[in-house]
């Protein structure tokens, strides 16, 4: 592995570790973790929902729905019918 890449990856891992230590102090119990303390702005909550929805199962499921039902089968999936 190249040295610049090693340095960048190491700095990234150190940064993520430091951020996780900081964030762990903000969470008080399991419910607070699950709902993010009910402090997420709408754009971030929407982005998280879309990122969760758009996973491998969605991509493969949309392809299967298109094969089985045609375009009508993909209309419920916002990424498959566009």
PDB file of N, CA and C in Angstrom:
ATOM      1  N   UNK A   1       0.850  -1.173   0.000  1.00  0.00           N
ATOM      2  CA  UNK A   1       0.000   0.000   0.000  1.00  0.00           C
ATOM      3  C   UNK A   1       0.898   1.240   0.000  1.00  0.00           C
ATOM      4  N   UNK A   2       0.461   2.263  -0.701  1.00  0.00           N
ATOM      5  CA  UNK A   2       1.222   3.507  -0.767  1.00  0.00           C
ATOM      6  C   UNK A   2       1.147   4.253   0.561  1.00  0.00           C
ATOM      7  N   UNK A   3       2.208   4.996   0.865  1.00  0.00           N
ATOM      8  CA  UNK A   3       2.249   5.754   2.121  1.00  0.00           C
ATOM      9  C   UNK A   3       1.167   6.818   2.210  1.00  0.00           C
ATOM     10  N   UNK A   4       0.912   7.600   1.166  1.00  0.00           N
ATOM     11  CA  UNK A   4      -0.161   8.602   1.296  1.00  0.00           C
ATOM     12  C   UNK A   4      -1.523   7.965   1.594  1.00  0.00           C
ATOM     13  N   UNK A   5      -1.805   6.850   0.950  1.00  0.00           N
ATOM     14  CA  UNK A   5      -3.067   6.166   1.208  1.00  0.00           C
ATOM     15  C   UNK A   5      -3.120   5.645   2.640  1.00  0.00           C
ATOM     16  N   UNK A   6      -2.019   5.108   3.120  1.00  0.00           N
ATOM     17  CA  UNK A   6      -1.955   4.620   4.500  1.00  0.00           C
ATOM     18  C   UNK A   6      -2.197   5.757   5.484  1.00  0.00           C
ATOM     19  N   UNK A   7      -1.609   6.908   5.219  1.00  0.00           N
ATOM     20  CA  UNK A   7      -1.781   8.065   6.104  1.00  0.00           C
ATOM     21  C   UNK A   7      -3.227   8.537   6.091  1.00  0.00           C
ATOM     22  N   UNK A   8      -3.822   8.640   4.912  1.00  0.00           N
ATOM     23  CA  UNK A   8      -5.208   9.104   4.808  1.00  0.00           C
ATOM     24  C   UNK A   8      -6.154   8.138   5.512  1.00  0.00           C
ATOM     25  N   UNK A   9      -5.989   6.848   5.287  1.00  0.00           N
ATOM     26  CA  UNK A   9      -6.856   5.856   5.931  1.00  0.00           C
ATOM     27  C   UNK A   9      -6.658   5.882   7.442  1.00  0.00           C
ATOM     28  N   UNK A  10      -5.425   6.011   7.900  1.00  0.00           N
ATOM     29  CA  UNK A  10      -5.161   6.075   9.340  1.00  0.00           C
ATOM     30  C   UNK A  10      -5.803   7.306   9.965  1.00  0.00           C
ATOM     31  N   UNK A  11      -5.677   8.461   9.312  1.00  0.00           N
ATOM     32  CA  UNK A  11      -6.302   9.684   9.826  1.00  0.00           C
ATOM     33  C   UNK A  11      -7.824   9.556   9.848  1.00  0.00           C
ATOM     34  N   UNK A  12      -8.375   8.938   8.831  1.00  0.00           N
ATOM     35  CA  UNK A  12      -9.823   8.715   8.791  1.00  0.00           C
ATOM     36  C   UNK A  12     -10.259   7.845   9.966  1.00  0.00           C
ATOM     37  N   UNK A  13      -9.560   6.737  10.194  1.00  0.00           N
ATOM     38  CA  UNK A  13      -9.924   5.840  11.291  1.00  0.00           C
ATOM     39  C   UNK A  13      -9.775   6.518  12.652  1.00  0.00           C
ATOM     40  N   UNK A  14      -8.728   7.301  12.822  1.00  0.00           N
ATOM     41  CA  UNK A  14      -8.543   8.040  14.075  1.00  0.00           C
ATOM     42  C   UNK A  14      -9.670   9.045  14.265  1.00  0.00           C
ATOM     43  N   UNK A  15     -10.043   9.743  13.189  1.00  0.00           N
ATOM     44  CA  UNK A  15     -11.136  10.713  13.262  1.00  0.00           C
ATOM     45  C   UNK A  15     -12.464  10.063  13.605  1.00  0.00           C
ATOM     46  N   UNK A  16     -12.764   8.937  12.980  1.00  0.00           N
ATOM     47  CA  UNK A  16     -14.013   8.226  13.268  1.00  0.00           C
ATOM     48  C   UNK A  16     -14.020   7.731  14.710  1.00  0.00           C
ATOM     49  N   UNK A  17     -12.888   7.238  15.181  1.00  0.00           N
ATOM     50  CA  UNK A  17     -12.793   6.775  16.564  1.00  0.00           C
ATOM     51  C   UNK A  17     -13.015   7.935  17.534  1.00  0.00           C
ATOM     52  N   UNK A  18     -12.400   9.089  17.269  1.00  0.00           N
ATOM     53  CA  UNK A  18     -12.580  10.258  18.134  1.00  0.00           C
ATOM     54  C   UNK A  18     -14.029  10.737  18.113  1.00  0.00           C
ATOM     55  N   UNK A  19     -14.642  10.748  16.942  1.00  0.00           N
ATOM     56  CA  UNK A  19     -16.038  11.153  16.835  1.00  0.00           C
ATOM     57  C   UNK A  19     -16.950  10.195  17.590  1.00  0.00           C
ATOM     58  N   UNK A  20     -16.651   8.907  17.545  1.00  0.00           N
ATOM     59  CA  UNK A  20     -17.488   7.935  18.255  1.00  0.00           C
ATOM     60  C   UNK A  20     -17.367   8.095  19.767  1.00  0.00           C
ATOM     61  N   UNK A  21     -16.192   8.426  20.240  1.00  0.00           N
ATOM     62  CA  UNK A  21     -16.025   8.668  21.680  1.00  0.00           C
ATOM     63  C   UNK A  21     -16.821   9.897  22.101  1.00  0.00           C
ATOM     64  N   UNK A  22     -16.762  10.955  21.293  1.00  0.00           N
ATOM     65  CA  UNK A  22     -17.533  12.165  21.597  1.00  0.00           C
ATOM     66  C   UNK A  22     -19.034  11.871  21.571  1.00  0.00           C
ATOM     67  N   UNK A  23     -19.494  11.175  20.531  1.00  0.00           N
ATOM     68  CA  UNK A  23     -20.926  10.905  20.375  1.00  0.00           C
ATOM     69  C   UNK A  23     -21.449   9.965  21.447  1.00  0.00           C
ATOM     70  N   UNK A  24     -20.613   9.074  21.950  1.00  0.00           N
ATOM     71  CA  UNK A  24     -21.083   8.144  22.978  1.00  0.00           C
ATOM     72  C   UNK A  24     -21.462   8.878  24.263  1.00  0.00           C
ATOM     73  N   UNK A  25     -20.893  10.043  24.489  1.00  0.00           N
ATOM     74  CA  UNK A  25     -21.264  10.835  25.657  1.00  0.00           C
ATOM     75  C   UNK A  25     -22.614  11.514  25.513  1.00  0.00           C
ATOM     76  N   UNK A  26     -23.125  11.612  24.287  1.00  0.00           N
ATOM     77  CA  UNK A  26     -24.403  12.266  24.033  1.00  0.00           C
ATOM     78  C   UNK A  26     -25.595  11.312  24.173  1.00  0.00           C
ATOM     79  N   UNK A  27     -25.325  10.011  24.182  1.00  0.00           N
ATOM     80  CA  UNK A  27     -26.390   9.003  24.243  1.00  0.00           C
ATOM     81  C   UNK A  27     -26.515   8.511  25.678  1.00  0.00           C
ATOM     82  N   UNK A  28     -27.752   8.548  26.201  1.00  0.00           N
ATOM     83  CA  UNK A  28     -27.950   8.187  27.602  1.00  0.00           C
ATOM     84  C   UNK A  28     -28.568   6.805  27.792  1.00  0.00           C
ATOM     85  N   UNK A  29     -29.377   6.350  26.838  1.00  0.00           N
ATOM     86  CA  UNK A  29     -29.965   5.013  26.923  1.00  0.00           C
ATOM     87  C   UNK A  29     -30.280   4.511  25.517  1.00  0.00           C
ATOM     88  N   UNK A  30     -30.837   3.308  25.434  1.00  0.00           N
ATOM     89  CA  UNK A  30     -31.102   2.700  24.126  1.00  0.00           C
ATOM     90  C   UNK A  30     -32.132   3.485  23.333  1.00  0.00           C
ATOM     91  N   UNK A  31     -33.163   3.958  23.990  1.00  0.00           N
ATOM     92  CA  UNK A  31     -34.205   4.714  23.293  1.00  0.00           C
ATOM     93  C   UNK A  31     -33.633   6.007  22.716  1.00  0.00           C
ATOM     94  N   UNK A  32     -32.754   6.648  23.445  1.00  0.00           N
ATOM     95  CA  UNK A  32     -32.110   7.868  22.963  1.00  0.00           C
ATOM     96  C   UNK A  32     -31.267   7.576  21.726  1.00  0.00           C
ATOM     97  N   UNK A  33     -30.620   6.434  21.703  1.00  0.00           N
ATOM     98  CA  UNK A  33     -29.815   6.035  20.546  1.00  0.00           C
ATOM     99  C   UNK A  33     -30.686   5.777  19.323  1.00  0.00           C
ATOM    100  N   UNK A  34     -31.775   5.055  19.512  1.00  0.00           N
ATOM    101  CA  UNK A  34     -32.624   4.650  18.391  1.00  0.00           C
ATOM    102  C   UNK A  34     -33.255   5.854  17.703  1.00  0.00           C
ATOM    103  N   UNK A  35     -33.703   6.837  18.444  1.00  0.00           N
ATOM    104  CA  UNK A  35     -34.381   7.995  17.849  1.00  0.00           C
ATOM    105  C   UNK A  35     -33.472   9.214  17.755  1.00  0.00           C
ATOM    106  N   UNK A  36     -32.185   9.035  17.974  1.00  0.00           N
ATOM    107  CA  UNK A  36     -31.190  10.113  17.878  1.00  0.00           C
ATOM    108  C   UNK A  36     -31.556  11.299  18.758  1.00  0.00           C
ATOM    109  N   UNK A  37     -32.104  11.019  19.911  1.00  0.00           N
ATOM    110  CA  UNK A  37     -32.445  12.080  20.847  1.00  0.00           C
ATOM    111  C   UNK A  37     -33.555  12.991  20.358  1.00  0.00           C
ATOM    112  N   UNK A  38     -34.243  12.598  19.305  1.00  0.00           N
ATOM    113  CA  UNK A  38     -35.302  13.397  18.671  1.00  0.00           C
ATOM    114  C   UNK A  38     -34.811  14.791  18.297  1.00  0.00           C
ATOM    115  N   UNK A  39     -33.550  14.862  17.870  1.00  0.00           N
ATOM    116  CA  UNK A  39     -32.963  16.149  17.507  1.00  0.00           C
ATOM    117  C   UNK A  39     -32.515  16.217  16.052  1.00  0.00           C
ATOM    118  N   UNK A  40     -32.886  15.247  15.223  1.00  0.00           N
ATOM    119  CA  UNK A  40     -32.460  15.266  13.829  1.00  0.00           C
ATOM    120  C   UNK A  40     -33.273  16.279  13.038  1.00  0.00           C
ATOM    121  N   UNK A  41     -32.610  17.100  12.236  1.00  0.00           N
ATOM    122  CA  UNK A  41     -33.378  17.961  11.325  1.00  0.00           C
ATOM    123  C   UNK A  41     -34.049  17.107  10.247  1.00  0.00           C
ATOM    124  N   UNK A  42     -35.070  17.645   9.627  1.00  0.00           N
ATOM    125  CA  UNK A  42     -35.849  16.886   8.653  1.00  0.00           C
ATOM    126  C   UNK A  42     -34.992  16.376   7.505  1.00  0.00           C
ATOM    127  N   UNK A  43     -34.086  17.194   6.985  1.00  0.00           N
ATOM    128  CA  UNK A  43     -33.278  16.785   5.834  1.00  0.00           C
ATOM    129  C   UNK A  43     -32.390  15.600   6.183  1.00  0.00           C
ATOM    130  N   UNK A  44     -31.869  15.564   7.405  1.00  0.00           N
ATOM    131  CA  UNK A  44     -31.001  14.464   7.808  1.00  0.00           C
ATOM    132  C   UNK A  44     -31.806  13.194   8.078  1.00  0.00           C
ATOM    133  N   UNK A  45     -32.969  13.339   8.686  1.00  0.00           N
ATOM    134  CA  UNK A  45     -33.828  12.177   8.907  1.00  0.00           C
ATOM    135  C   UNK A  45     -34.280  11.595   7.572  1.00  0.00           C
ATOM    136  N   UNK A  46     -34.631  12.450   6.610  1.00  0.00           N
ATOM    137  CA  UNK A  46     -35.044  11.985   5.285  1.00  0.00           C
ATOM    138  C   UNK A  46     -33.886  11.286   4.581  1.00  0.00           C
ATOM    139  N   UNK A  47     -32.700  11.867   4.653  1.00  0.00           N
ATOM    140  CA  UNK A  47     -31.533  11.251   4.025  1.00  0.00           C
ATOM    141  C   UNK A  47     -31.199   9.898   4.625  1.00  0.00           C
ATOM    142  N   UNK A  48     -31.338   9.780   5.920  1.00  0.00           N
ATOM    143  CA  UNK A  48     -31.096   8.505   6.588  1.00  0.00           C
ATOM    144  C   UNK A  48     -32.122   7.465   6.160  1.00  0.00           C
ATOM    145  N   UNK A  49     -33.378   7.881   6.068  1.00  0.00           N
ATOM    146  CA  UNK A  49     -34.425   6.966   5.624  1.00  0.00           C
ATOM    147  C   UNK A  49     -34.171   6.494   4.197  1.00  0.00           C
ATOM    148  N   UNK A  50     -33.808   7.405   3.305  1.00  0.00           N
ATOM    149  CA  UNK A  50     -33.544   7.031   1.914  1.00  0.00           C
ATOM    150  C   UNK A  50     -32.315   6.124   1.801  1.00  0.00           C
ATOM    151  N   UNK A  51     -31.281   6.408   2.576  1.00  0.00           N
ATOM    152  CA  UNK A  51     -30.083   5.567   2.533  1.00  0.00           C
ATOM    153  C   UNK A  51     -30.380   4.163   3.047  1.00  0.00           C
ATOM    154  N   UNK A  52     -31.238   4.068   4.042  1.00  0.00           N
ATOM    155  CA  UNK A  52     -31.623   2.761   4.551  1.00  0.00           C
ATOM    156  C   UNK A  52     -32.474   2.016   3.533  1.00  0.00           C
ATOM    157  N   UNK A  53     -33.371   2.741   2.889  1.00  0.00           N
ATOM    158  CA  UNK A  53     -34.265   2.132   1.917  1.00  0.00           C
ATOM    159  C   UNK A  53     -33.501   1.647   0.690  1.00  0.00           C
ATOM    160  N   UNK A  54     -32.526   2.429   0.261  1.00  0.00           N
ATOM    161  CA  UNK A  54     -31.795   2.111  -0.959  1.00  0.00           C
ATOM    162  C   UNK A  54     -30.619   1.212  -0.619  1.00  0.00           C
ATOM    163  N   UNK A  55     -30.886  -0.031  -0.394  1.00  0.00           N
ATOM    164  CA  UNK A  55     -29.857  -1.020  -0.123  1.00  0.00           C
ATOM    165  C   UNK A  55     -29.877  -2.083  -1.201  1.00  0.00           C
ATOM    166  N   UNK A  56     -29.105  -3.102  -1.015  1.00  0.00           N
ATOM    167  CA  UNK A  56     -29.025  -4.175  -2.009  1.00  0.00           C
ATOM    168  C   UNK A  56     -30.368  -4.861  -2.193  1.00  0.00           C
ATOM    169  N   UNK A  57     -31.114  -5.028  -1.124  1.00  0.00           N
ATOM    170  CA  UNK A  57     -32.412  -5.693  -1.245  1.00  0.00           C
ATOM    171  C   UNK A  57     -33.365  -4.877  -2.106  1.00  0.00           C
ATOM    172  N   UNK A  58     -33.303  -3.559  -2.006  1.00  0.00           N
ATOM    173  CA  UNK A  58     -34.160  -2.712  -2.827  1.00  0.00           C
ATOM    174  C   UNK A  58     -33.799  -2.826  -4.294  1.00  0.00           C
ATOM    175  N   UNK A  59     -32.509  -2.782  -4.587  1.00  0.00           N
ATOM    176  CA  UNK A  59     -32.069  -2.868  -5.979  1.00  0.00           C
ATOM    177  C   UNK A  59     -32.458  -4.211  -6.579  1.00  0.00           C
ATOM    178  N   UNK A  60     -32.173  -5.282  -5.875  1.00  0.00           N
ATOM    179  CA  UNK A  60     -32.504  -6.606  -6.388  1.00  0.00           C
ATOM    180  C   UNK A  60     -34.012  -6.841  -6.413  1.00  0.00           C
ATOM    181  N   UNK A  61     -34.694  -6.352  -5.403  1.00  0.00           N
ATOM    182  CA  UNK A  61     -36.145  -6.512  -5.366  1.00  0.00           C
ATOM    183  C   UNK A  61     -36.836  -5.741  -6.476  1.00  0.00           C
ATOM    184  N   UNK A  62     -36.327  -4.555  -6.805  1.00  0.00           N
ATOM    185  CA  UNK A  62     -36.911  -3.772  -7.893  1.00  0.00           C
ATOM    186  C   UNK A  62     -36.699  -4.465  -9.228  1.00  0.00           C
ATOM    187  N   UNK A  63     -35.536  -5.051  -9.421  1.00  0.00           N
ATOM    188  CA  UNK A  63     -35.287  -5.782 -10.665  1.00  0.00           C
ATOM    189  C   UNK A  63     -36.221  -6.982 -10.773  1.00  0.00           C
ATOM    190  N   UNK A  64     -36.431  -7.665  -9.667  1.00  0.00           N
ATOM    191  CA  UNK A  64     -37.339  -8.807  -9.680  1.00  0.00           C
ATOM    192  C   UNK A  64     -38.777  -8.367  -9.939  1.00  0.00           C
ATOM    193  N   UNK A  65     -39.186  -7.257  -9.319  1.00  0.00           N
ATOM    194  CA  UNK A  65     -40.542  -6.754  -9.537  1.00  0.00           C
ATOM    195  C   UNK A  65     -40.744  -6.345 -10.990  1.00  0.00           C
ATOM    196  N   UNK A  66     -39.730  -5.733 -11.591  1.00  0.00           N
ATOM    197  CA  UNK A  66     -39.836  -5.352 -13.001  1.00  0.00           C
ATOM    198  C   UNK A  66     -39.936  -6.586 -13.890  1.00  0.00           C
ATOM    199  N   UNK A  67     -39.199  -7.609 -13.543  1.00  0.00           N
ATOM    200  CA  UNK A  67     -39.261  -8.846 -14.326  1.00  0.00           C
ATOM    201  C   UNK A  67     -40.625  -9.520 -14.194  1.00  0.00           C
ATOM    202  N   UNK A  68     -41.144  -9.556 -12.973  1.00  0.00           N
ATOM    203  CA  UNK A  68     -42.401 -10.260 -12.727  1.00  0.00           C
ATOM    204  C   UNK A  68     -43.631  -9.480 -13.186  1.00  0.00           C
ATOM    205  N   UNK A  69     -43.643  -8.159 -12.918  1.00  0.00           N
ATOM    206  CA  UNK A  69     -44.859  -7.377 -13.123  1.00  0.00           C
ATOM    207  C   UNK A  69     -44.715  -6.256 -14.148  1.00  0.00           C
ATOM    208  N   UNK A  70     -43.546  -6.070 -14.691  1.00  0.00           N
ATOM    209  CA  UNK A  70     -43.337  -4.965 -15.624  1.00  0.00           C
ATOM    210  C   UNK A  70     -43.133  -3.660 -14.869  1.00  0.00           C
ATOM    211  N   UNK A  71     -43.343  -2.548 -15.555  1.00  0.00           N
ATOM    212  CA  UNK A  71     -43.117  -1.230 -14.953  1.00  0.00           C
ATOM    213  C   UNK A  71     -44.033  -1.005 -13.758  1.00  0.00           C
ATOM    214  N   UNK A  72     -45.234  -1.529 -13.807  1.00  0.00           N
ATOM    215  CA  UNK A  72     -46.181  -1.351 -12.702  1.00  0.00           C
ATOM    216  C   UNK A  72     -45.603  -1.861 -11.378  1.00  0.00           C
ATOM    217  N   UNK A  73     -44.786  -2.884 -11.426  1.00  0.00           N
ATOM    218  CA  UNK A  73     -44.211  -3.446 -10.217  1.00  0.00           C
ATOM    219  C   UNK A  73     -43.132  -2.590  -9.586  1.00  0.00           C
ATOM    220  N   UNK A  74     -42.593  -1.630 -10.326  1.00  0.00           N
ATOM    221  CA  UNK A  74     -41.515  -0.789  -9.795  1.00  0.00           C
ATOM    222  C   UNK A  74     -41.995   0.572  -9.319  1.00  0.00           C
ATOM    223  N   UNK A  75     -43.265   0.874  -9.453  1.00  0.00           N
ATOM    224  CA  UNK A  75     -43.751   2.215  -9.127  1.00  0.00           C
ATOM    225  C   UNK A  75     -43.671   2.550  -7.646  1.00  0.00           C
ATOM    226  N   UNK A  76     -43.652   1.567  -6.771  1.00  0.00           N
ATOM    227  CA  UNK A  76     -43.556   1.843  -5.339  1.00  0.00           C
ATOM    228  C   UNK A  76     -42.131   2.139  -4.897  1.00  0.00           C
ATOM    229  N   UNK A  77     -41.174   1.868  -5.739  1.00  0.00           N
ATOM    230  CA  UNK A  77     -39.772   2.100  -5.411  1.00  0.00           C
ATOM    231  C   UNK A  77     -39.309   3.378  -6.105  1.00  0.00           C
ATOM    232  N   UNK A  78     -38.928   4.404  -5.349  1.00  0.00           N
ATOM    233  CA  UNK A  78     -38.602   5.688  -5.981  1.00  0.00           C
ATOM    234  C   UNK A  78     -37.358   5.644  -6.861  1.00  0.00           C
ATOM    235  N   UNK A  79     -36.469   4.696  -6.665  1.00  0.00           N
ATOM    236  CA  UNK A  79     -35.240   4.659  -7.452  1.00  0.00           C
ATOM    237  C   UNK A  79     -35.349   3.740  -8.662  1.00  0.00           C
ATOM    238  N   UNK A  80     -36.303   2.841  -8.670  1.00  0.00           N
ATOM    239  CA  UNK A  80     -36.372   1.862  -9.748  1.00  0.00           C
ATOM    240  C   UNK A  80     -37.158   2.358 -10.950  1.00  0.00           C
ATOM    241  N   UNK A  81     -38.087   3.263 -10.741  1.00  0.00           N
ATOM    242  CA  UNK A  81     -38.951   3.665 -11.847  1.00  0.00           C
ATOM    243  C   UNK A  81     -38.476   4.928 -12.541  1.00  0.00           C
ATOM    244  N   UNK A  82     -37.416   5.557 -12.045  1.00  0.00           N
ATOM    245  CA  UNK A  82     -36.959   6.818 -12.618  1.00  0.00           C
ATOM    246  C   UNK A  82     -36.080   6.600 -13.767  1.00  0.00           C
TER     247      UNK A  82
END
